[in-house]
C-alpha atoms as a PDB file:
ATOM      1  CA  MET A   1      11.614  -6.031  20.839  1.00  0.00           C
ATOM      2  CA  SER A   2      11.940  -6.187  17.620  1.00  0.00           C
ATOM      3  CA  GLU A   3       9.511  -7.269  15.204  1.00  0.00           C
ATOM      4  CA  THR A   4      10.161 -10.513  12.876  1.00  0.00           C
ATOM      5  CA  PRO A   5       9.024 -10.800   9.761  1.00  0.00           C
ATOM      6  CA  ILE A   6       5.827 -13.295  10.444  1.00  0.00           C
ATOM      7  CA  ASN A   7       4.427 -10.363  13.392  1.00  0.00           C
ATOM      8  CA  LYS A   8       5.370  -7.272  10.981  1.00  0.00           C
ATOM      9  CA  PRO A   9       2.156  -6.305   8.941  1.00  0.00           C
ATOM     10  CA  ALA A  10       2.212  -6.443   4.913  1.00  0.00           C
ATOM     11  CA  MET A  11       1.995  -2.792   4.561  1.00  0.00           C
ATOM     12  CA  GLN A  12       5.581  -1.999   6.073  1.00  0.00           C
ATOM     13  CA  SER A  13       7.234  -4.699   4.581  1.00  0.00           C
ATOM     14  CA  LEU A  14      10.263  -3.276   2.366  1.00  0.00           C
ATOM     15  CA  THR A  15       9.917  -5.761  -0.222  1.00  0.00           C
ATOM     16  CA  LEU A  16       6.446  -4.598  -1.497  1.00  0.00           C
ATOM     17  CA  GLN A  17       7.146  -0.492  -0.516  1.00  0.00           C
ATOM     18  CA  SER A  18      10.559  -1.035  -2.752  1.00  0.00           C
ATOM     19  CA  ALA A  19       8.522  -3.048  -5.303  1.00  0.00           C
ATOM     20  CA  ALA A  20       5.911  -0.064  -5.541  1.00  0.00           C
ATOM     21  CA  ALA A  21       8.533   2.453  -5.636  1.00  0.00           C
ATOM     22  CA  ILE A  22      10.328   0.727  -8.564  1.00  0.00           C
ATOM     23  CA  ALA A  23       7.144   0.502 -10.321  1.00  0.00           C
ATOM     24  CA  ILE A  24       6.492   4.059 -10.014  1.00  0.00           C
ATOM     25  CA  ALA A  25       9.865   4.959 -11.077  1.00  0.00           C
ATOM     26  CA  PHE A  26       9.685   2.957 -14.372  1.00  0.00           C
ATOM     27  CA  ALA A  27       6.137   4.428 -14.808  1.00  0.00           C
ATOM     28  CA  ALA A  28       7.629   8.146 -14.453  1.00  0.00           C
ATOM     29  CA  GLU A  29      10.447   6.915 -16.923  1.00  0.00           C
ATOM     30  CA  ARG A  30       8.578   5.739 -19.785  1.00  0.00           C
ATOM     31  CA  LEU A  31       6.190   8.631 -19.453  1.00  0.00           C
ATOM     32  CA  GLY A  32       9.027  11.174 -19.792  1.00  0.00           C
ATOM     33  CA  ALA A  33       8.848  12.833 -16.296  1.00  0.00           C
ATOM     34  CA  ALA A  34      11.788  13.546 -13.797  1.00  0.00           C
ATOM     35  CA  LEU A  35      10.984  12.464 -10.135  1.00  0.00           C
ATOM     36  CA  PRO A  36      12.694  14.410  -7.313  1.00  0.00           C
ATOM     37  CA  GLU A  37      14.920  12.054  -4.564  1.00  0.00           C
ATOM     38  CA  GLY A  38      12.507   9.996  -2.206  1.00  0.00           C
ATOM     39  CA  ALA A  39       9.626  10.989  -4.590  1.00  0.00           C
ATOM     40  CA  ALA A  40       8.726   7.252  -5.754  1.00  0.00           C
ATOM     41  CA  GLN A  41       9.270   5.558  -1.978  1.00  0.00           C
ATOM     42  CA  GLU A  42       6.942   8.596  -0.592  1.00  0.00           C
ATOM     43  CA  LEU A  43       4.221   7.846  -3.486  1.00  0.00           C
ATOM     44  CA  ALA A  44       4.576   4.003  -2.852  1.00  0.00           C
ATOM     45  CA  ALA A  45       3.922   4.943   0.426  1.00  0.00           C
ATOM     46  CA  ALA A  46       0.880   6.822   0.167  1.00  0.00           C
ATOM     47  CA  PHE A  47      -0.369   4.307  -2.567  1.00  0.00           C
ATOM     48  CA  ILE A  48       0.000   1.569  -0.193  1.00  0.00           C
ATOM     49  CA  ASP A  49      -2.000   3.568   2.446  1.00  0.00           C
ATOM     50  CA  LEU A  50      -4.512   4.286   0.096  1.00  0.00           C
ATOM     51  CA  VAL A  51      -5.027   0.878  -0.416  1.00  0.00           C
ATOM     52  CA  VAL A  52      -4.753  -0.421   3.047  1.00  0.00           C
ATOM     53  CA  ALA A  53      -7.738   2.798   3.542  1.00  0.00           C
ATOM     54  CA  LEU A  54     -10.325   1.387   0.458  1.00  0.00           C
ATOM     55  CA  GLY A  55      -9.834  -1.785   1.184  1.00  0.00           C
ATOM     56  CA  LEU A  56     -10.899  -1.043   5.472  1.00  0.00           C
ATOM     57  CA  ILE A  57     -13.845   0.982   3.598  1.00  0.00           C
ATOM     58  CA  GLY A  58     -15.059  -2.213   1.250  1.00  0.00           C
ATOM     59  CA  VAL A  59     -14.911  -4.556   4.111  1.00  0.00           C
ATOM     60  CA  ALA A  60     -17.133  -1.999   6.203  1.00  0.00           C
ATOM     61  CA  VAL A  61     -19.522  -1.608   3.854  1.00  0.00           C
ATOM     62  CA  GLY A  62     -19.631  -5.002   2.772  1.00  0.00           C
ATOM     63  CA  ARG A  63     -20.447  -5.856   6.868  1.00  0.00           C
ATOM     64  CA  ALA A  64     -22.537  -2.792   6.633  1.00  0.00           C
ATOM     65  CA  ARG A  65     -24.727  -4.414   3.792  1.00  0.00           C
ATOM     66  CA  ALA A  66     -24.623  -8.563   5.503  1.00  0.00           C
ATOM     67  CA  ARG A  67     -27.732  -9.389   6.826  1.00  0.00           C
ATOM     68  CA  THR A  68     -26.408 -11.722   9.161  1.00  0.00           C
ATOM     69  CA  PRO A  69     -23.825 -11.073  12.027  1.00  0.00           C
ATOM     70  CA  ILE A  70     -20.030 -11.749  12.091  1.00  0.00           C
ATOM     71  CA  SER A  71     -19.890 -15.352  13.695  1.00  0.00           C
END
């Protein structure tokens, strides 16, 4: 069964990953760094994973500090 765009998580979006990879490649070029083939895509995937993990940590900390239960 293939996933429709509605059922696909945003972090698996090729548009999001492509935009992040383009931004990383552009920044590296502006800084004068040469990235190996596929490095921008790998860095983009790692960055998206980092943002998601930090978001989940933030939610967990926020819920731990909350004084009322989740309703």
